[in-house]
N, C-alpha and C. Protein backbone atom coordinates (compact mmCIF):
# COMPACT_ATOMS: atom_id res chain seq x y z
N MET A 1 0.86 -1.17 -0.01
CA MET A 1 0.00 0.00 0.02
C MET A 1 0.88 1.24 -0.01
N THR A 2 0.54 2.22 -0.74
CA THR A 2 1.34 3.46 -0.85
C THR A 2 1.01 4.35 0.35
N ALA A 3 1.91 5.29 0.64
CA ALA A 3 1.69 6.23 1.73
C ALA A 3 0.42 7.01 1.51
N LYS A 4 0.15 7.39 0.25
CA LYS A 4 -1.04 8.14 -0.07
C LYS A 4 -2.29 7.34 0.28
N LYS A 5 -2.29 6.04 -0.02
CA LYS A 5 -3.43 5.19 0.24
C LYS A 5 -3.64 5.05 1.76
N VAL A 6 -2.57 4.94 2.51
CA VAL A 6 -2.68 4.86 3.99
C VAL A 6 -3.30 6.11 4.53
N LEU A 7 -2.88 7.26 4.03
CA LEU A 7 -3.49 8.51 4.48
C LEU A 7 -4.94 8.63 4.06
N GLU A 8 -5.25 8.25 2.87
CA GLU A 8 -6.62 8.33 2.43
C GLU A 8 -7.57 7.34 3.24
N THR A 9 -7.06 6.17 3.60
CA THR A 9 -7.78 5.25 4.39
C THR A 9 -7.99 5.81 5.80
N ALA A 10 -6.95 6.39 6.39
CA ALA A 10 -7.05 7.00 7.72
C ALA A 10 -8.04 8.16 7.70
N LEU A 11 -8.01 8.96 6.65
CA LEU A 11 -8.96 10.11 6.57
C LEU A 11 -10.39 9.66 6.49
N ASN A 12 -10.64 8.53 5.77
CA ASN A 12 -11.98 8.01 5.67
C ASN A 12 -12.43 7.45 7.04
N LEU A 13 -11.55 6.80 7.79
CA LEU A 13 -11.84 6.27 9.09
C LEU A 13 -12.15 7.37 10.08
N ILE A 14 -11.31 8.40 10.11
CA ILE A 14 -11.48 9.50 11.06
C ILE A 14 -12.84 10.21 10.84
N GLY A 15 -13.16 10.47 9.62
CA GLY A 15 -14.35 11.21 9.31
C GLY A 15 -15.58 10.38 9.07
N GLY A 16 -15.40 9.05 9.03
CA GLY A 16 -16.51 8.21 8.69
C GLY A 16 -17.13 7.44 9.89
N ASP A 17 -17.22 6.17 9.80
CA ASP A 17 -17.86 5.35 10.85
C ASP A 17 -17.30 5.53 12.22
N ARG A 18 -16.03 5.65 12.30
CA ARG A 18 -15.39 5.75 13.64
C ARG A 18 -15.81 7.03 14.36
N ALA A 19 -16.01 8.09 13.58
CA ALA A 19 -16.47 9.35 14.22
C ALA A 19 -17.83 9.19 14.85
N SER A 20 -18.73 8.50 14.15
CA SER A 20 -20.07 8.26 14.71
C SER A 20 -20.05 7.22 15.83
N THR A 21 -19.15 6.26 15.73
CA THR A 21 -19.08 5.22 16.80
C THR A 21 -18.47 5.72 18.08
N HIS A 22 -17.37 6.47 17.95
CA HIS A 22 -16.56 6.92 19.13
C HIS A 22 -16.98 8.32 19.62
N GLY A 23 -17.80 9.01 18.97
CA GLY A 23 -18.25 10.31 19.42
C GLY A 23 -17.22 11.37 19.05
N SER A 24 -17.37 12.51 19.69
CA SER A 24 -16.46 13.66 19.41
C SER A 24 -15.06 13.29 19.68
N MET A 25 -14.17 13.60 18.67
CA MET A 25 -12.79 13.29 18.79
C MET A 25 -12.17 13.99 20.01
N LEU A 26 -12.49 15.27 20.19
CA LEU A 26 -11.96 16.02 21.29
C LEU A 26 -12.41 15.46 22.63
N GLU A 27 -13.74 15.23 22.77
CA GLU A 27 -14.25 14.68 24.01
C GLU A 27 -13.68 13.29 24.32
N ASN A 28 -13.52 12.49 23.32
CA ASN A 28 -12.99 11.11 23.50
C ASN A 28 -11.55 11.21 24.01
N HIS A 29 -10.74 12.05 23.42
CA HIS A 29 -9.35 12.18 23.84
C HIS A 29 -9.22 12.89 25.20
N GLU A 30 -10.11 13.80 25.46
CA GLU A 30 -10.12 14.42 26.81
C GLU A 30 -10.43 13.40 27.86
N ASN A 31 -11.38 12.52 27.60
CA ASN A 31 -11.73 11.43 28.55
C ASN A 31 -10.52 10.50 28.71
N ILE A 32 -9.85 10.13 27.63
CA ILE A 32 -8.68 9.25 27.72
C ILE A 32 -7.60 9.95 28.56
N ALA A 33 -7.37 11.24 28.34
CA ALA A 33 -6.34 12.00 29.07
C ALA A 33 -6.67 11.98 30.58
N LYS A 34 -7.96 12.17 30.91
CA LYS A 34 -8.33 12.26 32.34
C LYS A 34 -8.09 10.84 32.96
N LEU A 35 -8.48 9.78 32.32
CA LEU A 35 -8.29 8.48 32.88
C LEU A 35 -6.82 8.10 32.97
N TRP A 36 -6.04 8.44 31.94
CA TRP A 36 -4.62 8.16 31.99
C TRP A 36 -3.90 8.98 33.02
N ASN A 37 -4.30 10.26 33.17
CA ASN A 37 -3.65 11.09 34.21
C ASN A 37 -3.95 10.54 35.59
N GLY A 38 -5.16 10.06 35.84
CA GLY A 38 -5.45 9.42 37.09
C GLY A 38 -4.66 8.20 37.34
N TYR A 39 -4.50 7.37 36.30
CA TYR A 39 -3.73 6.15 36.41
C TYR A 39 -2.28 6.47 36.67
N LEU A 40 -1.76 7.49 36.04
CA LEU A 40 -0.35 7.81 36.17
C LEU A 40 0.03 8.57 37.43
N TYR A 41 -0.99 9.00 38.18
CA TYR A 41 -0.74 9.68 39.43
C TYR A 41 0.19 8.83 40.32
N ASN A 42 1.29 9.46 40.76
CA ASN A 42 2.28 8.80 41.64
C ASN A 42 2.99 7.66 40.94
N LYS A 43 2.99 7.58 39.65
CA LYS A 43 3.65 6.51 38.87
C LYS A 43 4.93 7.03 38.31
N GLU A 44 6.04 6.39 38.55
CA GLU A 44 7.33 6.92 38.07
C GLU A 44 7.73 6.27 36.76
N GLU A 45 7.49 4.99 36.60
CA GLU A 45 7.93 4.29 35.41
C GLU A 45 6.79 3.31 34.95
N LEU A 46 6.58 3.21 33.67
CA LEU A 46 5.57 2.33 33.18
C LEU A 46 6.08 0.94 32.89
N SER A 47 5.25 -0.06 33.17
CA SER A 47 5.56 -1.45 32.84
C SER A 47 4.62 -1.88 31.72
N ALA A 48 4.86 -3.05 31.21
CA ALA A 48 4.00 -3.62 30.17
C ALA A 48 2.61 -3.78 30.64
N SER A 49 2.36 -4.19 31.91
CA SER A 49 1.00 -4.31 32.37
C SER A 49 0.33 -2.92 32.53
N ASP A 50 1.11 -1.92 32.86
CA ASP A 50 0.60 -0.53 32.89
C ASP A 50 0.04 -0.12 31.50
N VAL A 51 0.78 -0.40 30.49
CA VAL A 51 0.39 -0.05 29.13
C VAL A 51 -0.95 -0.72 28.79
N ALA A 52 -1.03 -2.02 29.08
CA ALA A 52 -2.25 -2.76 28.76
C ALA A 52 -3.45 -2.19 29.57
N ASN A 53 -3.17 -1.83 30.85
CA ASN A 53 -4.20 -1.24 31.69
C ASN A 53 -4.69 0.07 31.07
N MET A 54 -3.74 0.87 30.60
CA MET A 54 -4.11 2.20 30.03
C MET A 54 -4.83 2.03 28.71
N MET A 55 -4.49 0.97 27.95
CA MET A 55 -5.27 0.74 26.72
C MET A 55 -6.69 0.31 27.07
N GLU A 56 -6.86 -0.47 28.16
CA GLU A 56 -8.22 -0.79 28.64
C GLU A 56 -8.98 0.52 29.00
N LEU A 57 -8.28 1.43 29.64
CA LEU A 57 -8.91 2.72 29.99
C LEU A 57 -9.29 3.48 28.76
N MET A 58 -8.53 3.40 27.68
CA MET A 58 -8.92 4.02 26.43
C MET A 58 -10.26 3.48 25.95
N LYS A 59 -10.47 2.17 26.12
CA LYS A 59 -11.74 1.56 25.70
C LYS A 59 -12.85 2.05 26.58
N VAL A 60 -12.58 2.21 27.84
CA VAL A 60 -13.58 2.78 28.78
C VAL A 60 -14.01 4.16 28.34
N ALA A 61 -13.01 4.99 28.02
CA ALA A 61 -13.28 6.36 27.53
C ALA A 61 -14.14 6.33 26.27
N ARG A 62 -13.87 5.41 25.41
CA ARG A 62 -14.67 5.32 24.15
C ARG A 62 -16.11 4.94 24.49
N ARG A 63 -16.27 4.01 25.46
CA ARG A 63 -17.65 3.63 25.87
C ARG A 63 -18.41 4.83 26.40
N LYS A 64 -17.69 5.73 27.08
CA LYS A 64 -18.33 6.91 27.72
C LYS A 64 -18.74 7.93 26.63
N ALA A 65 -17.90 8.16 25.64
CA ALA A 65 -18.13 9.25 24.71
C ALA A 65 -18.92 8.88 23.46
N GLY A 66 -18.79 7.59 23.07
CA GLY A 66 -19.38 7.22 21.78
C GLY A 66 -20.71 6.46 21.93
N ALA A 67 -21.12 5.99 20.81
CA ALA A 67 -22.31 5.18 20.73
C ALA A 67 -21.94 3.76 21.21
N PHE A 68 -22.97 2.97 21.53
CA PHE A 68 -22.69 1.59 21.96
C PHE A 68 -21.91 0.85 20.87
N ASN A 69 -20.84 0.23 21.27
CA ASN A 69 -20.02 -0.54 20.35
C ASN A 69 -19.52 -1.73 21.08
N ALA A 70 -19.99 -2.90 20.74
CA ALA A 70 -19.60 -4.14 21.47
C ALA A 70 -18.10 -4.36 21.44
N ASP A 71 -17.43 -3.96 20.37
CA ASP A 71 -15.99 -4.13 20.26
C ASP A 71 -15.28 -3.42 21.42
N ASP A 72 -15.80 -2.27 21.90
CA ASP A 72 -15.11 -1.57 22.98
C ASP A 72 -15.11 -2.45 24.26
N TYR A 73 -16.15 -3.25 24.45
CA TYR A 73 -16.24 -4.14 25.62
C TYR A 73 -15.34 -5.33 25.42
N VAL A 74 -15.40 -5.90 24.24
CA VAL A 74 -14.56 -7.08 23.94
C VAL A 74 -13.09 -6.71 23.97
N ASP A 75 -12.70 -5.60 23.33
CA ASP A 75 -11.34 -5.12 23.37
C ASP A 75 -10.89 -4.81 24.77
N GLY A 76 -11.80 -4.19 25.59
CA GLY A 76 -11.44 -3.93 26.98
C GLY A 76 -11.11 -5.15 27.78
N ALA A 77 -11.97 -6.19 27.54
CA ALA A 77 -11.72 -7.49 28.25
C ALA A 77 -10.43 -8.08 27.73
N GLY A 78 -10.17 -7.92 26.46
CA GLY A 78 -8.89 -8.44 25.92
C GLY A 78 -7.69 -7.73 26.54
N TYR A 79 -7.79 -6.43 26.66
CA TYR A 79 -6.64 -5.64 27.30
C TYR A 79 -6.52 -6.09 28.78
N ALA A 80 -7.62 -6.32 29.43
CA ALA A 80 -7.52 -6.81 30.85
C ALA A 80 -6.81 -8.14 30.89
N ALA A 81 -7.09 -9.02 29.98
CA ALA A 81 -6.43 -10.34 29.92
C ALA A 81 -4.94 -10.14 29.60
N VAL A 82 -4.65 -9.28 28.68
CA VAL A 82 -3.20 -8.98 28.37
C VAL A 82 -2.50 -8.39 29.61
N ALA A 83 -3.19 -7.43 30.30
CA ALA A 83 -2.61 -6.88 31.50
C ALA A 83 -2.29 -7.97 32.55
N TYR A 84 -3.23 -8.88 32.69
CA TYR A 84 -3.04 -10.00 33.62
C TYR A 84 -1.77 -10.82 33.27
N GLU A 85 -1.67 -11.19 32.01
CA GLU A 85 -0.49 -11.99 31.60
C GLU A 85 0.78 -11.20 31.75
N CYS A 86 0.75 -9.92 31.43
CA CYS A 86 1.95 -9.08 31.56
C CYS A 86 2.34 -8.98 33.03
N ALA A 87 1.33 -8.70 33.92
CA ALA A 87 1.61 -8.59 35.32
C ALA A 87 2.15 -9.87 35.89
N GLU A 88 1.61 -11.00 35.48
CA GLU A 88 2.12 -12.26 35.89
C GLU A 88 3.52 -12.52 35.49
N GLY A 89 3.81 -12.15 34.21
CA GLY A 89 5.20 -12.26 33.73
C GLY A 89 6.17 -11.33 34.43
N GLU A 90 5.70 -10.14 34.73
CA GLU A 90 6.54 -9.20 35.47
C GLU A 90 6.81 -9.69 36.86
N GLU A 91 5.85 -10.27 37.50
CA GLU A 91 6.04 -10.83 38.83
C GLU A 91 7.05 -11.95 38.82
N ASN A 92 6.96 -12.81 37.86
CA ASN A 92 7.95 -13.93 37.70
C ASN A 92 9.31 -13.42 37.32
N LYS A 93 9.36 -12.40 36.47
CA LYS A 93 10.59 -11.85 36.04
C LYS A 93 11.35 -11.21 37.20
N GLU A 94 10.59 -10.51 38.12
CA GLU A 94 11.21 -9.87 39.26
C GLU A 94 11.89 -10.88 40.19
N GLU A 95 11.28 -12.08 40.26
CA GLU A 95 11.83 -13.10 41.14
C GLU A 95 13.18 -13.63 40.59
N THR A 96 13.34 -13.62 39.31
CA THR A 96 14.56 -14.17 38.69
C THR A 96 15.42 -13.13 37.99
N ALA A 97 15.01 -11.89 38.14
CA ALA A 97 15.71 -10.77 37.41
C ALA A 97 17.15 -10.67 37.85
N LEU A 98 18.01 -10.42 36.82
CA LEU A 98 19.39 -10.15 37.06
C LEU A 98 19.56 -8.65 37.30
N ASP A 99 20.50 -8.33 38.09
CA ASP A 99 20.82 -6.92 38.37
C ASP A 99 21.35 -6.29 37.10
N PRO A 100 20.68 -5.27 36.56
CA PRO A 100 21.12 -4.65 35.28
C PRO A 100 22.49 -3.95 35.45
N PHE A 101 22.88 -3.68 36.64
CA PHE A 101 24.16 -2.98 36.84
C PHE A 101 25.30 -3.90 37.26
N ASP A 102 25.02 -5.20 37.27
CA ASP A 102 26.04 -6.19 37.62
C ASP A 102 27.06 -6.30 36.46
N PRO A 103 28.32 -5.89 36.74
CA PRO A 103 29.31 -5.90 35.63
C PRO A 103 29.59 -7.32 35.11
N GLU A 104 29.27 -8.36 35.84
CA GLU A 104 29.49 -9.70 35.42
C GLU A 104 28.57 -10.04 34.24
N ARG A 105 27.42 -9.35 34.15
CA ARG A 105 26.50 -9.61 33.04
C ARG A 105 27.12 -9.21 31.71
N PHE A 106 28.07 -8.25 31.74
CA PHE A 106 28.67 -7.75 30.47
C PHE A 106 30.06 -8.24 30.24
N ARG A 107 30.59 -9.11 31.10
CA ARG A 107 31.91 -9.62 30.98
C ARG A 107 31.92 -10.69 29.89
N LEU A 108 32.75 -10.52 28.90
CA LEU A 108 32.85 -11.50 27.81
C LEU A 108 33.80 -12.61 28.27
N THR A 109 33.35 -13.84 28.06
CA THR A 109 34.18 -15.00 28.32
C THR A 109 35.05 -15.31 27.11
N GLU A 110 36.02 -16.18 27.34
CA GLU A 110 36.87 -16.59 26.24
C GLU A 110 36.06 -17.23 25.15
N ASP A 111 35.11 -18.07 25.52
CA ASP A 111 34.27 -18.78 24.52
C ASP A 111 33.40 -17.81 23.73
N MET A 112 32.93 -16.76 24.40
CA MET A 112 32.14 -15.76 23.69
C MET A 112 33.05 -14.99 22.63
N LEU A 113 34.21 -14.68 23.07
CA LEU A 113 35.11 -13.97 22.15
C LEU A 113 35.47 -14.84 20.93
N LYS A 114 35.67 -16.13 21.17
CA LYS A 114 35.98 -17.06 20.09
C LYS A 114 34.83 -17.13 19.13
N ALA A 115 33.60 -17.18 19.63
CA ALA A 115 32.40 -17.32 18.81
C ALA A 115 32.26 -16.01 17.99
N MET A 116 32.62 -14.91 18.52
CA MET A 116 32.45 -13.61 17.82
C MET A 116 33.45 -13.51 16.65
N VAL A 117 34.58 -14.14 16.81
CA VAL A 117 35.68 -14.07 15.83
C VAL A 117 35.41 -14.91 14.60
N LYS A 118 34.67 -16.03 14.84
CA LYS A 118 34.40 -16.99 13.76
C LYS A 118 33.62 -16.36 12.59
C-alpha cells in the first residue's frame, strides 16, 4: 500500500464510521487523558501491564463518549487479559531478574570472544 493510500484510508476512518461510533474526537481524547492522568498519578515508570491497563482505560473512555459498540467491551476485556499476563510475567521476572548494573552480566568470556571471531 502506498503512503497516499494509507493517508486516504485514515482520513476515511477518522471522518466516517469511527467518528459516529466513538463520538467527538476532542471529548474522546479528553476522557482518555483524564483516565490516563489518574492512572499515572504517583507512577514513576511504566511497565508492560501498565500499558495494557491504560489501553483498557482508552476503551472505557470510548464507551463513555461514543455510541454503543460491542468491540469496545470485547477489546477492553482483551486488554484486561493482556494486562493480567503481563503482570504475571513481570512478577515472575522480578523473582529471577538479574541486576542490570552487575558488571558480570557484561563480561565476555573466552568462549564468547571465540564465537564472535568466527
